[in-house]
Amino acid sequence: MKMKMKCLHTLKEDPLIPFNRFHAFVYFFAVLAVVYHRFSLVMNDTSSGVPFSMFASLLVAELVFALQWFTGQGSKWRPVTRREFPERLWEVVEEKQLPKLDVFVCTADPYKEPPVNVVCTALSAMAFDYPTDRLSVYVSDDGCSELTMFAFMEAAKFARHWLPFCKDNNILVRSPEAYFNTSDHHDHSHQKIKIMYQDMKERIDSCMKRGFVSEDMIISQKESELFMEWKRFTRRDHPSIIEILLESDKDKDVSGVPLPNLIYLSREKSSKIAHNFKAGALNSLLRVSGMITNAPVILTLDCDMYSNDPSTPLRAMCYLLDPSMAFDLAYVQFPQRFPGINGKDIYAAEIKHLFQINAQGLAGLCGPNYVGTGCFFNRRCFFGSPSSSSLQNDAICDAKNEGISYSILQKALHSLSCRYEHGTKWGSSIGFQYESIVEDFNTGYRLQCRGWRSVLCEPERPAFFGDAPMSLNDVLGQTKRWCVGLYEVGFSRSPTHGFTCTLISSSQRMLKNSLSLSLEDQRFGNGGMSKGYG
C-alpha cells in the first residue's frame, strides 16, 4: 500500500512539564530528609523510652510510601496529548485499501452478562463507519450458552435493518439499547425500527426467563437441530463450536449493502483441563480469525463496552497507517468511559488515575497500558518483536478471499480444542499472555518489554461507553482480582518482567511496577476483565 506523506495526527507536550520536574526534584530531597531523620532516630535515640519496634515500623512505612511516590513520577515526567485527523485519511489511502478489521467480543455467563447487552455491543461495532466487506465481528462465548447463541441469531436478523438505519440517519450512538434510551423520535422510520428492536429484546428476555430456547422461538428445522444438540452441553464440558451467522460475501442488508461477517464461537471445554479464562478465549479468537479473515488490525471489546462514535476505527488508523510509527506500534488504546455515574463518584468508578493521569504520562514514554477493551492491535505484535522478519509458522493460517470454506472451518474447529495449545508457545511468547488473571496488563507490559510501543487516543467525544460497578461488593471483588493479578506480574519469574526488563525506559518501568503498589487507590470500575470471568 503506497501512501503520500500527510500529517494524520499531532502530539503536544504538557506546558506544565518543567514545573512538574522541578516539584519532583524538590520533593525528592524532602523525602530524603524525612527518611534520614527517621533513620537517625532509630539508630541513635535509645533514651526516649519508645520501643525500637515502633520506630522501625514507622521507618518501613515511610520507605514504602517513598518508593510508591518515587516510582509514580513516571506519569508526570512527560505527559502529552495527541490529536488525530480522520478526515485527512482519505487523502492518504482509498477506502478499498483500508486494512481489514476483526472485532473480538468475549462473554462467559448469560446471567452475569445479559445477552441483550452483548448483542448491543456487537451491533454497535458492526455499524462502524468502515467498509462492511472489510469488517468482521467475532463473539467468543465461554459459557457455551444456547441463550447467547439464540440472541446472536436474532441479532443477525435485526442487523439487516439496524445498520442501514444508523447510516441513513447519521446516528452516532449505534448501540440500540443506548440509542432508544436517549432519543425520543416519533417519525415512522424510528418507530418501526424501535418496534423491531423491542420484539427482538422480548424474544431474548423470554428465553432468559425460561432458561432455555423453547420450540415456539425456533423458526426452521436447522435451528431446531442446532438447539437439540445444545441440550447435552454444559458450561464446563462441551465441544468446539463455530457458527457463521453473517457472511459478507453472501448476506446483504435491506438496502443491498453487504453486511459485516458475524461469527459465533465457543472453544472446547473440559473440567479436567485449565482454560486460562479470558486470555485463553482471546487466543482462541486470534487463531480462528487468523484462519478465516486474518485482518491485520484487531479491536478487543468487553461485552458491556459499546461504541459511542462510529468514526473510532478511522481515528485508530491515523496511527496504525502512519509509516513513521507502523514499524513498532503494537496498539492504540482508547480510554474507558462510564455514563450515569453519580456526581460524587463514591466508588471511584471513573478510574481517573488510570485513564487521565497515568495514561497521559505513559503516552509520553513508551505508551499506555492495555486495559482490556477499546484497544486496536496490530496483529503482528502477537507473534514476535518489531524486528521479526515474519510471523511464526504455527501462529496463523493465511485467509484467502475465497469465502469461508468447509476445510477452513475444520481447521478453525481444531484450533479451538482444549489440548491445542499443549506443547506450544501460546500464552507465553505468542498471543495474549497467561500467568496472571490480569491478562490485559500482562500482555501490554510484555509487548513493551519486547520493544513495541503504544499510543493513547483520547478524542473529545468518548469512543466507548461501558458499565461501572453498581455496588460496593462489585467494586471490592473486581479490585481484589486486579490486585492479585498485578502482584502476580510484579513477582513473576519471567526474565521479561519486573525491574530486570531492559527494553523499557527506566521511568516507564518504575511507573508500571508502581501500579502494583498503588492499585487500591487507582483501579476501580468494570474494565480489563469481564464480569463472567472469575
Protein backbone atom coordinates (compact mmCIF):
# COMPACT_ATOMS: atom_id res chain seq x y z
CA MET A 1 0.00 0.00 0.00
CA LYS A 2 1.64 3.24 -1.14
CA MET A 3 0.74 6.37 0.77
CA LYS A 4 1.60 10.02 0.41
CA MET A 5 3.16 11.70 3.42
CA LYS A 6 0.39 13.53 5.22
CA CYS A 7 0.01 14.67 8.83
CA LEU A 8 -2.66 12.39 10.29
CA HIS A 9 -2.02 13.26 13.93
CA THR A 10 -0.17 15.69 16.17
CA LEU A 11 1.49 15.49 19.59
CA LYS A 12 1.62 18.28 22.18
CA GLU A 13 3.62 18.21 25.40
CA ASP A 14 2.01 19.44 28.60
CA PRO A 15 3.20 23.04 29.28
CA LEU A 16 3.49 22.20 32.99
CA ILE A 17 6.27 19.64 32.45
CA PRO A 18 9.11 21.94 33.73
CA PHE A 19 7.12 22.75 36.87
CA ASN A 20 6.33 19.06 37.47
CA ARG A 21 10.00 18.16 37.19
CA PHE A 22 11.09 20.99 39.49
CA HIS A 23 8.48 19.94 42.04
CA ALA A 24 9.65 16.32 41.84
CA PHE A 25 13.26 17.46 42.35
CA VAL A 26 12.41 19.48 45.48
CA TYR A 27 10.09 16.79 46.83
CA PHE A 28 12.76 14.14 46.33
CA PHE A 29 15.15 15.90 48.69
CA ALA A 30 12.34 16.49 51.18
CA VAL A 31 11.60 12.76 51.21
CA LEU A 32 15.31 12.00 51.67
CA ALA A 33 15.42 14.39 54.64
CA VAL A 34 12.42 12.71 56.29
CA VAL A 35 13.85 9.22 55.77
CA TYR A 36 17.26 10.33 57.06
CA HIS A 37 15.65 11.87 60.14
CA ARG A 38 13.67 8.72 60.90
CA PHE A 39 16.71 6.51 60.34
CA SER A 40 18.76 8.66 62.71
CA LEU A 41 16.12 8.30 65.42
CA VAL A 42 16.09 4.53 65.01
CA MET A 43 19.87 4.27 65.22
CA ASN A 44 20.64 6.83 67.94
CA ASP A 45 17.62 7.52 70.15
CA THR A 46 17.66 4.94 72.96
CA SER A 47 16.69 7.17 75.89
CA SER A 48 13.15 8.20 74.96
CA GLY A 49 11.60 5.01 76.21
CA VAL A 50 9.82 4.47 72.89
CA PRO A 51 10.18 0.83 71.76
CA PHE A 52 12.63 0.23 68.94
CA SER A 53 9.97 -1.75 67.06
CA MET A 54 7.73 1.32 66.80
CA PHE A 55 10.49 3.46 65.27
CA ALA A 56 11.39 0.62 62.90
CA SER A 57 7.76 0.18 61.84
CA LEU A 58 7.43 3.90 61.08
CA LEU A 59 10.65 3.81 59.08
CA VAL A 60 9.47 0.84 57.00
CA ALA A 61 6.10 2.50 56.35
CA GLU A 62 7.75 5.74 55.23
CA LEU A 63 10.14 3.84 52.97
CA VAL A 64 7.20 2.08 51.32
CA PHE A 65 5.37 5.36 50.73
CA ALA A 66 8.58 6.99 49.49
CA LEU A 67 9.05 4.14 47.00
CA GLN A 68 5.45 4.47 45.86
CA TRP A 69 5.89 8.21 45.29
CA PHE A 70 9.22 7.75 43.51
CA THR A 71 8.01 5.06 41.11
CA GLY A 72 4.87 7.08 40.33
CA GLN A 73 6.82 10.04 38.98
CA GLY A 74 6.96 8.47 35.53
CA SER A 75 3.39 9.62 34.89
CA LYS A 76 4.42 13.25 35.46
CA TRP A 77 7.73 13.23 33.62
CA ARG A 78 6.42 13.84 30.10
CA PRO A 79 2.60 13.90 29.83
CA VAL A 80 1.41 14.50 26.28
CA THR A 81 -1.86 14.85 24.40
CA ARG A 82 -2.48 13.72 20.84
CA ARG A 83 -4.94 14.81 18.22
CA GLU A 84 -5.82 12.86 15.10
CA PHE A 85 -7.41 13.99 11.82
CA PRO A 86 -9.52 11.16 10.37
CA GLU A 87 -10.88 13.46 7.65
CA ARG A 88 -7.37 13.53 6.15
CA LEU A 89 -7.21 9.76 5.95
CA TRP A 90 -8.89 9.72 2.53
CA GLU A 91 -6.07 11.87 1.15
CA VAL A 92 -3.64 9.14 2.17
CA VAL A 93 -5.47 5.90 1.38
CA GLU A 94 -8.52 4.87 -0.63
CA GLU A 95 -11.44 3.25 1.14
CA LYS A 96 -10.88 -0.09 -0.58
CA GLN A 97 -7.25 -0.04 0.65
CA LEU A 98 -8.14 0.25 4.32
CA PRO A 99 -6.87 -2.77 6.25
CA LYS A 100 -9.37 -5.40 7.33
CA LEU A 101 -10.59 -5.12 10.92
CA ASP A 102 -11.51 -8.02 13.20
CA VAL A 103 -13.51 -7.17 16.35
CA PHE A 104 -13.30 -9.54 19.34
CA VAL A 105 -16.13 -9.61 21.90
CA CYS A 106 -15.87 -12.04 24.84
CA THR A 107 -18.68 -13.23 27.10
CA ALA A 108 -18.85 -16.08 29.59
CA ASP A 109 -22.13 -16.14 31.52
CA PRO A 110 -25.55 -15.02 30.20
CA TYR A 111 -26.78 -14.27 33.72
CA LYS A 112 -23.85 -12.05 34.67
CA GLU A 113 -23.54 -10.59 31.17
CA PRO A 114 -27.08 -10.38 29.72
CA PRO A 115 -27.14 -11.43 26.05
CA VAL A 116 -29.08 -8.28 25.08
CA ASN A 117 -26.16 -6.14 26.28
CA VAL A 118 -23.63 -8.31 24.46
CA VAL A 119 -25.71 -8.11 21.30
CA CYS A 120 -25.85 -4.31 21.53
CA THR A 121 -22.05 -4.17 21.86
CA ALA A 122 -21.63 -6.31 18.74
CA LEU A 123 -24.22 -4.33 16.75
CA SER A 124 -22.51 -1.04 17.63
CA ALA A 125 -19.24 -2.44 16.27
CA MET A 126 -20.90 -3.81 13.13
CA ALA A 127 -22.26 -0.31 12.49
CA PHE A 128 -18.84 1.38 12.44
CA ASP A 129 -18.24 3.88 9.62
CA TYR A 130 -15.94 1.36 7.98
CA PRO A 131 -16.25 -0.67 4.76
CA THR A 132 -18.50 -3.58 5.69
CA ASP A 133 -16.65 -6.01 3.44
CA ARG A 134 -13.51 -5.33 5.49
CA LEU A 135 -15.15 -5.68 8.90
CA SER A 136 -15.73 -8.86 10.91
CA VAL A 137 -17.14 -9.33 14.41
CA TYR A 138 -16.20 -12.46 16.36
CA VAL A 139 -18.09 -13.38 19.53
CA SER A 140 -16.49 -15.83 21.98
CA ASP A 141 -18.99 -17.48 24.32
CA ASP A 142 -17.01 -19.26 27.02
CA GLY A 143 -20.23 -20.37 28.69
CA CYS A 144 -21.43 -22.16 25.54
CA SER A 145 -24.94 -20.95 26.29
CA GLU A 146 -27.85 -21.59 23.95
CA LEU A 147 -29.29 -18.31 25.25
CA THR A 148 -26.32 -16.33 23.94
CA MET A 149 -26.38 -18.23 20.66
CA PHE A 150 -30.10 -17.53 20.21
CA ALA A 151 -29.55 -13.85 21.00
CA PHE A 152 -26.98 -13.54 18.22
CA MET A 153 -29.14 -15.40 15.74
CA GLU A 154 -31.79 -12.75 16.46
CA ALA A 155 -29.16 -10.00 16.21
CA ALA A 156 -28.12 -11.20 12.75
CA LYS A 157 -31.69 -10.69 11.54
CA PHE A 158 -32.03 -7.30 13.21
CA ALA A 159 -28.68 -6.11 11.81
CA ARG A 160 -30.14 -6.16 8.27
CA HIS A 161 -32.35 -3.27 9.30
CA TRP A 162 -30.32 -1.58 12.04
CA LEU A 163 -27.10 -0.93 10.07
CA PRO A 164 -28.70 0.93 7.14
CA PHE A 165 -30.95 2.82 9.60
CA CYS A 166 -27.89 4.11 11.51
CA LYS A 167 -26.04 5.21 8.39
CA ASP A 168 -29.06 6.75 6.65
CA ASN A 169 -29.85 8.83 9.74
CA ASN A 170 -26.22 9.59 10.65
CA ILE A 171 -26.68 8.24 14.18
CA LEU A 172 -23.65 8.47 16.47
CA VAL A 173 -24.74 6.14 19.29
CA ARG A 174 -25.18 2.85 17.46
CA SER A 175 -25.94 0.56 20.36
CA PRO A 176 -29.73 0.04 20.03
CA GLU A 177 -30.31 -0.02 23.79
CA ALA A 178 -28.36 3.19 24.41
CA TYR A 179 -29.90 4.90 21.39
CA PHE A 180 -33.52 4.21 22.28
CA ASN A 181 -32.90 5.13 25.93
CA THR A 182 -31.57 8.57 24.99
CA SER A 183 -33.59 9.53 21.89
CA ASP A 184 -37.24 10.45 21.52
CA HIS A 185 -38.12 10.44 17.83
CA HIS A 186 -41.66 9.90 16.64
CA ASP A 187 -41.32 9.63 12.86
CA HIS A 188 -42.31 6.42 11.12
CA SER A 189 -38.81 5.01 10.43
CA HIS A 190 -37.71 5.45 14.04
CA GLN A 191 -40.87 3.91 15.42
CA LYS A 192 -40.60 0.98 13.04
CA ILE A 193 -37.01 0.13 13.97
CA LYS A 194 -37.81 0.60 17.65
CA ILE A 195 -40.66 -1.91 17.43
CA MET A 196 -38.31 -4.39 15.73
CA TYR A 197 -35.74 -3.95 18.48
CA GLN A 198 -38.31 -4.33 21.24
CA ASP A 199 -39.60 -7.50 19.61
CA MET A 200 -36.07 -8.94 19.43
CA LYS A 201 -35.41 -7.96 23.04
CA GLU A 202 -38.64 -9.55 24.25
CA ARG A 203 -37.84 -12.83 22.49
CA ILE A 204 -34.38 -12.93 24.09
CA ASP A 205 -35.70 -11.99 27.53
CA SER A 206 -38.42 -14.62 27.24
CA CYS A 207 -35.78 -17.30 26.71
CA MET A 208 -33.76 -15.92 29.60
CA LYS A 209 -36.72 -16.29 31.95
CA ARG A 210 -37.29 -19.88 30.86
CA GLY A 211 -33.59 -20.71 30.97
CA PHE A 212 -33.68 -22.38 27.53
CA VAL A 213 -34.77 -21.77 23.93
CA SER A 214 -38.29 -23.11 23.57
CA GLU A 215 -39.81 -24.61 20.42
CA ASP A 216 -42.02 -21.56 19.77
CA MET A 217 -38.89 -19.42 19.32
CA ILE A 218 -37.45 -21.69 16.63
CA ILE A 219 -38.48 -20.97 13.04
CA SER A 220 -36.58 -23.57 11.00
CA GLN A 221 -35.58 -27.23 11.07
CA LYS A 222 -31.90 -26.26 11.04
CA GLU A 223 -32.32 -24.16 14.18
CA SER A 224 -34.26 -26.95 15.85
CA GLU A 225 -31.47 -29.47 15.21
CA LEU A 226 -28.88 -26.99 16.44
CA PHE A 227 -30.58 -26.34 19.77
CA MET A 228 -31.41 -30.02 20.28
CA GLU A 229 -27.69 -30.74 20.08
CA TRP A 230 -27.06 -27.95 22.60
CA LYS A 231 -29.08 -29.76 25.28
CA ARG A 232 -26.21 -32.13 26.03
CA PHE A 233 -23.67 -29.32 26.52
CA THR A 234 -22.65 -27.89 29.90
CA ARG A 235 -20.69 -24.78 30.75
CA ARG A 236 -17.61 -26.79 31.75
CA ASP A 237 -17.81 -29.66 29.25
CA HIS A 238 -18.65 -29.10 25.60
CA PRO A 239 -17.05 -29.44 22.14
CA SER A 240 -15.78 -26.66 19.88
CA ILE A 241 -18.49 -24.70 18.08
CA ILE A 242 -18.35 -22.20 15.22
CA GLU A 243 -21.46 -20.71 13.64
CA ILE A 244 -21.24 -18.28 10.71
CA LEU A 245 -24.26 -16.08 11.35
CA LEU A 246 -23.49 -13.50 8.66
CA GLU A 247 -21.05 -13.75 5.78
CA SER A 248 -20.12 -10.61 3.91
CA ASP A 249 -19.83 -12.36 0.56
CA LYS A 250 -23.39 -13.68 0.80
CA ASP A 251 -25.51 -11.60 3.18
CA LYS A 252 -26.81 -8.10 2.48
CA ASP A 253 -28.88 -5.61 4.43
CA VAL A 254 -32.29 -4.34 3.31
CA SER A 255 -30.65 -1.65 1.16
CA GLY A 256 -28.50 -4.18 -0.70
CA VAL A 257 -25.19 -3.36 1.01
CA PRO A 258 -23.02 -6.31 2.15
CA LEU A 259 -23.14 -6.95 5.88
CA PRO A 260 -20.04 -7.46 8.03
CA ASN A 261 -19.10 -11.00 8.96
CA LEU A 262 -20.67 -12.09 12.26
CA ILE A 263 -19.14 -15.25 13.69
CA TYR A 264 -20.07 -17.01 16.93
CA LEU A 265 -17.65 -19.45 18.51
CA SER A 266 -17.19 -21.38 21.73
CA ARG A 267 -13.92 -23.17 22.37
CA GLU A 268 -13.90 -26.74 23.67
CA LYS A 269 -14.04 -27.01 27.43
CA SER A 270 -13.15 -29.86 29.76
CA SER A 271 -13.42 -29.70 33.54
CA LYS A 272 -10.09 -31.53 33.73
CA ILE A 273 -8.09 -29.05 31.64
CA ALA A 274 -7.23 -25.43 32.52
CA HIS A 275 -8.73 -22.91 30.10
CA ASN A 276 -6.87 -19.71 31.14
CA PHE A 277 -10.01 -17.60 31.45
CA LYS A 278 -10.31 -14.53 29.22
CA ALA A 279 -6.75 -14.73 27.88
CA GLY A 280 -7.49 -18.24 26.61
CA ALA A 281 -10.67 -17.04 24.93
CA LEU A 282 -8.81 -14.17 23.23
CA ASN A 283 -6.13 -16.53 21.94
CA SER A 284 -8.85 -18.78 20.52
CA LEU A 285 -10.30 -15.76 18.72
CA LEU A 286 -6.83 -14.85 17.49
CA ARG A 287 -6.34 -18.28 15.91
CA VAL A 288 -9.82 -18.63 14.40
CA SER A 289 -9.86 -15.12 12.96
CA GLY A 290 -6.40 -15.71 11.51
CA MET A 291 -7.75 -18.70 9.60
CA ILE A 292 -10.97 -17.07 8.39
CA THR A 293 -10.30 -13.36 7.77
CA ASN A 294 -6.76 -12.70 9.04
CA ALA A 295 -7.30 -8.94 9.42
CA PRO A 296 -4.06 -7.05 10.19
CA VAL A 297 -5.92 -4.92 12.76
CA ILE A 298 -7.81 -6.31 15.78
CA LEU A 299 -10.15 -4.49 18.17
CA THR A 300 -10.87 -6.05 21.57
CA LEU A 301 -14.09 -5.04 23.34
CA ASP A 302 -15.60 -6.00 26.66
CA CYS A 303 -19.11 -7.31 26.20
CA ASP A 304 -20.59 -4.29 28.01
CA MET A 305 -18.47 -1.64 26.23
CA TYR A 306 -20.41 -0.26 23.25
CA SER A 307 -19.25 2.17 20.59
CA ASN A 308 -20.17 5.82 21.15
CA ASP A 309 -18.52 7.14 17.97
CA PRO A 310 -18.70 5.25 14.65
CA SER A 311 -15.56 7.01 13.34
CA THR A 312 -13.38 5.41 16.03
CA PRO A 313 -11.67 2.88 13.68
CA LEU A 314 -10.63 5.72 11.38
CA ARG A 315 -9.05 7.55 14.32
CA ALA A 316 -7.06 4.43 15.17
CA MET A 317 -5.96 4.10 11.54
CA CYS A 318 -4.44 7.59 11.71
CA TYR A 319 -1.73 5.99 13.83
CA LEU A 320 -1.66 2.43 12.51
CA LEU A 321 -1.26 3.63 8.91
CA ASP A 322 1.43 6.21 9.70
CA PRO A 323 4.65 4.89 8.09
CA SER A 324 6.77 6.60 10.76
CA MET A 325 5.02 4.61 13.53
CA ALA A 326 3.95 1.38 11.82
CA PHE A 327 7.21 -0.50 12.44
CA ASP A 328 6.91 -0.81 16.23
CA LEU A 329 3.36 0.35 17.07
CA ALA A 330 1.58 -2.53 18.84
CA TYR A 331 -1.75 -0.95 19.75
CA VAL A 332 -3.86 2.19 20.01
CA GLN A 333 -5.66 2.37 23.36
CA PHE A 334 -8.87 4.36 23.85
CA PRO A 335 -9.89 5.27 27.43
CA GLN A 336 -12.89 3.68 29.07
CA ARG A 337 -15.75 5.96 29.98
CA PHE A 338 -18.77 5.19 32.16
CA PRO A 339 -22.02 7.17 31.73
CA GLY A 340 -24.53 7.63 34.51
CA ILE A 341 -22.05 7.80 37.39
CA ASN A 342 -23.28 10.00 40.23
CA GLY A 343 -21.62 13.37 40.73
CA LYS A 344 -19.61 12.34 43.79
CA ASP A 345 -18.50 9.03 42.25
CA ILE A 346 -18.39 7.35 45.67
CA TYR A 347 -16.89 4.11 44.28
CA ALA A 348 -14.20 5.89 42.19
CA ALA A 349 -15.62 4.15 39.12
CA GLU A 350 -14.27 6.76 36.68
CA ILE A 351 -10.75 5.39 37.26
CA LYS A 352 -9.23 8.86 36.86
CA HIS A 353 -5.72 7.82 37.84
CA LEU A 354 -5.61 5.08 35.26
CA PHE A 355 -7.18 6.95 32.35
CA GLN A 356 -6.39 10.62 32.95
CA ILE A 357 -3.14 10.84 34.92
CA ASN A 358 -1.12 7.70 34.30
CA ALA A 359 -2.28 7.26 30.71
CA GLN A 360 -1.17 10.70 29.56
CA GLY A 361 2.13 10.31 31.39
CA LEU A 362 2.80 6.91 29.85
CA ALA A 363 1.81 8.29 26.44
CA GLY A 364 4.94 10.45 26.54
CA LEU A 365 7.15 7.41 27.23
CA CYS A 366 6.57 4.00 25.61
CA GLY A 367 2.79 4.35 25.63
CA PRO A 368 -0.18 3.50 27.86
CA ASN A 369 -1.11 0.14 29.36
CA TYR A 370 -3.52 -2.18 27.60
CA VAL A 371 -6.70 -2.04 29.69
CA GLY A 372 -8.60 -4.97 28.21
CA THR A 373 -11.09 -3.15 25.99
CA GLY A 374 -11.29 -0.36 23.43
CA CYS A 375 -7.88 -1.29 22.01
CA PHE A 376 -6.85 -1.60 18.33
CA PHE A 377 -3.96 -4.04 17.88
CA ASN A 378 -1.51 -4.63 15.09
CA ARG A 379 -1.93 -8.41 14.68
CA ARG A 380 1.79 -8.79 14.02
CA CYS A 381 2.65 -7.77 17.60
CA PHE A 382 1.27 -11.05 19.00
CA PHE A 383 3.81 -13.18 17.16
CA GLY A 384 7.19 -11.62 17.80
CA SER A 385 9.21 -8.45 18.25
CA PRO A 386 9.08 -5.49 15.83
CA SER A 387 12.25 -6.73 14.15
CA SER A 388 10.87 -10.23 13.48
CA SER A 389 11.14 -10.91 9.77
CA SER A 390 7.93 -12.96 9.62
CA LEU A 391 5.25 -14.50 11.78
CA GLN A 392 5.91 -17.89 13.27
CA ASN A 393 4.73 -20.71 11.03
CA ASP A 394 2.33 -22.23 13.53
CA ALA A 395 0.80 -18.91 14.55
CA ILE A 396 -1.87 -18.35 11.95
CA CYS A 397 -3.12 -19.68 8.65
CA ASP A 398 -3.43 -17.08 5.90
CA ALA A 399 -7.01 -16.48 4.92
CA LYS A 400 -7.79 -16.30 1.20
CA ASN A 401 -10.51 -14.29 -0.49
CA GLU A 402 -12.46 -17.43 -1.31
CA GLY A 403 -15.19 -17.23 1.30
CA ILE A 404 -15.39 -19.41 4.38
CA SER A 405 -14.86 -22.96 3.14
CA TYR A 406 -15.54 -26.25 4.92
CA SER A 407 -11.82 -27.06 5.17
CA ILE A 408 -11.09 -23.71 6.83
CA LEU A 409 -13.87 -24.28 9.35
CA GLN A 410 -12.50 -27.72 10.20
CA LYS A 411 -9.05 -26.26 10.85
CA ALA A 412 -10.60 -23.49 12.92
CA LEU A 413 -12.58 -26.01 14.98
CA HIS A 414 -9.40 -27.97 15.61
CA SER A 415 -7.65 -24.82 16.85
CA LEU A 416 -10.41 -24.45 19.47
CA SER A 417 -9.77 -27.83 21.07
CA CYS A 418 -8.76 -27.68 24.74
CA ARG A 419 -5.48 -29.53 24.06
CA TYR A 420 -4.44 -27.48 21.03
CA GLU A 421 -2.05 -25.21 22.97
CA HIS A 422 -0.25 -28.03 24.80
CA GLY A 423 3.43 -28.01 23.89
CA THR A 424 3.16 -24.67 22.07
CA LYS A 425 4.17 -21.10 22.96
CA TRP A 426 0.63 -19.78 23.09
CA GLY A 427 0.17 -17.66 26.20
CA SER A 428 3.91 -17.12 26.68
CA SER A 429 5.64 -15.77 23.58
CA ILE A 430 2.61 -15.95 21.27
CA GLY A 431 -0.75 -14.26 21.71
CA PHE A 432 -2.31 -12.86 24.86
CA GLN A 433 -0.33 -13.68 27.98
CA TYR A 434 -1.25 -16.18 30.70
CA GLU A 435 0.49 -16.38 34.11
CA SER A 436 -1.77 -13.69 35.60
CA ILE A 437 -5.50 -13.08 35.91
CA VAL A 438 -4.95 -9.53 34.62
CA GLU A 439 -4.22 -10.62 31.08
CA ASP A 440 -4.60 -7.06 29.80
CA PHE A 441 -1.83 -5.50 31.92
CA ASN A 442 0.38 -8.57 31.50
CA THR A 443 0.00 -8.60 27.71
CA GLY A 444 0.62 -4.88 27.27
CA TYR A 445 3.64 -4.99 29.55
CA ARG A 446 5.13 -7.98 27.73
CA LEU A 447 4.67 -6.29 24.36
CA GLN A 448 6.53 -3.21 25.52
CA CYS A 449 9.29 -5.37 27.00
CA ARG A 450 9.77 -6.81 23.51
CA GLY A 451 10.25 -3.36 22.01
CA TRP A 452 6.71 -2.49 20.92
CA ARG A 453 5.17 0.91 21.62
CA SER A 454 1.58 2.05 22.13
CA VAL A 455 -0.48 5.20 21.66
CA LEU A 456 -3.22 6.79 23.74
CA CYS A 457 -6.08 8.13 21.60
CA GLU A 458 -8.41 10.31 23.66
CA PRO A 459 -10.83 12.16 21.36
CA GLU A 460 -13.17 14.85 22.64
CA ARG A 461 -16.16 12.57 22.10
CA PRO A 462 -15.68 9.35 24.11
CA ALA A 463 -15.11 6.43 21.75
CA PHE A 464 -16.66 3.78 24.01
CA PHE A 465 -19.06 3.70 26.93
CA GLY A 466 -19.48 0.86 29.40
CA ASP A 467 -20.98 -0.21 32.71
CA ALA A 468 -19.38 0.70 36.04
CA PRO A 469 -19.90 -1.44 39.17
CA MET A 470 -23.29 -0.92 40.76
CA SER A 471 -22.43 -1.90 44.34
CA LEU A 472 -19.56 -1.87 46.80
CA ASN A 473 -19.31 -5.68 46.60
CA ASP A 474 -18.74 -5.47 42.84
CA VAL A 475 -16.02 -2.86 43.32
CA LEU A 476 -14.22 -4.84 46.00
CA GLY A 477 -14.45 -8.09 44.04
CA GLN A 478 -13.01 -6.57 40.87
CA THR A 479 -10.29 -4.70 42.73
CA LYS A 480 -9.24 -7.78 44.67
CA ARG A 481 -8.73 -9.74 41.44
CA TRP A 482 -6.77 -6.89 39.87
CA CYS A 483 -4.57 -6.51 42.97
CA VAL A 484 -3.75 -10.21 42.95
CA GLY A 485 -3.12 -10.14 39.20
CA LEU A 486 -0.76 -7.18 39.35
CA TYR A 487 1.24 -8.77 42.14
CA GLU A 488 1.46 -11.92 40.01
CA VAL A 489 3.01 -9.82 37.26
CA GLY A 490 5.26 -7.91 39.64
CA PHE A 491 6.67 -11.05 41.23
CA SER A 492 6.77 -13.12 38.06
CA ARG A 493 9.90 -15.18 37.48
CA SER A 494 9.83 -14.39 33.79
CA PRO A 495 13.00 -12.56 32.73
CA THR A 496 10.95 -10.03 30.75
CA HIS A 497 9.09 -8.83 33.85
CA GLY A 498 9.82 -6.59 36.79
CA PHE A 499 12.85 -4.39 37.18
CA THR A 500 15.01 -6.67 35.02
CA CYS A 501 13.21 -5.63 31.85
CA THR A 502 15.85 -3.71 29.90
CA LEU A 503 13.81 -2.84 26.82
CA ILE A 504 11.63 -0.27 28.57
CA SER A 505 12.95 3.09 29.72
CA SER A 506 13.62 3.23 33.45
CA SER A 507 10.91 5.80 34.18
CA GLN A 508 8.33 3.75 32.26
CA ARG A 509 9.34 0.61 34.10
CA MET A 510 9.15 2.27 37.52
CA LEU A 511 5.65 3.56 36.86
CA LYS A 512 4.42 0.16 35.72
CA ASN A 513 5.74 -1.52 38.86
CA SER A 514 4.20 1.22 41.00
CA LEU A 515 0.76 0.13 39.81
CA SER A 516 1.13 -2.98 41.93
CA LEU A 517 1.76 -0.79 44.98
CA SER A 518 -1.00 1.76 44.46
CA LEU A 519 -3.79 -0.24 42.85
CA GLU A 520 -6.11 0.22 45.82
CA ASP A 521 -6.16 3.97 45.11
CA GLN A 522 -6.21 3.82 41.32
CA ARG A 523 -8.03 0.84 39.78
CA PHE A 524 -11.75 0.68 40.28
CA GLY A 525 -14.52 0.12 37.75
CA ASN A 526 -15.58 -2.51 35.30
CA GLY A 527 -12.86 -2.89 32.71
CA GLY A 528 -9.98 -5.14 31.88
CA MET A 529 -11.74 -8.33 32.92
CA SER A 530 -15.28 -9.25 32.06
CA LYS A 531 -17.65 -9.97 34.94
CA GLY A 532 -18.21 -13.52 33.79
CA TYR A 533 -14.56 -14.47 34.24
CA GLY A 534 -13.57 -15.05 37.82
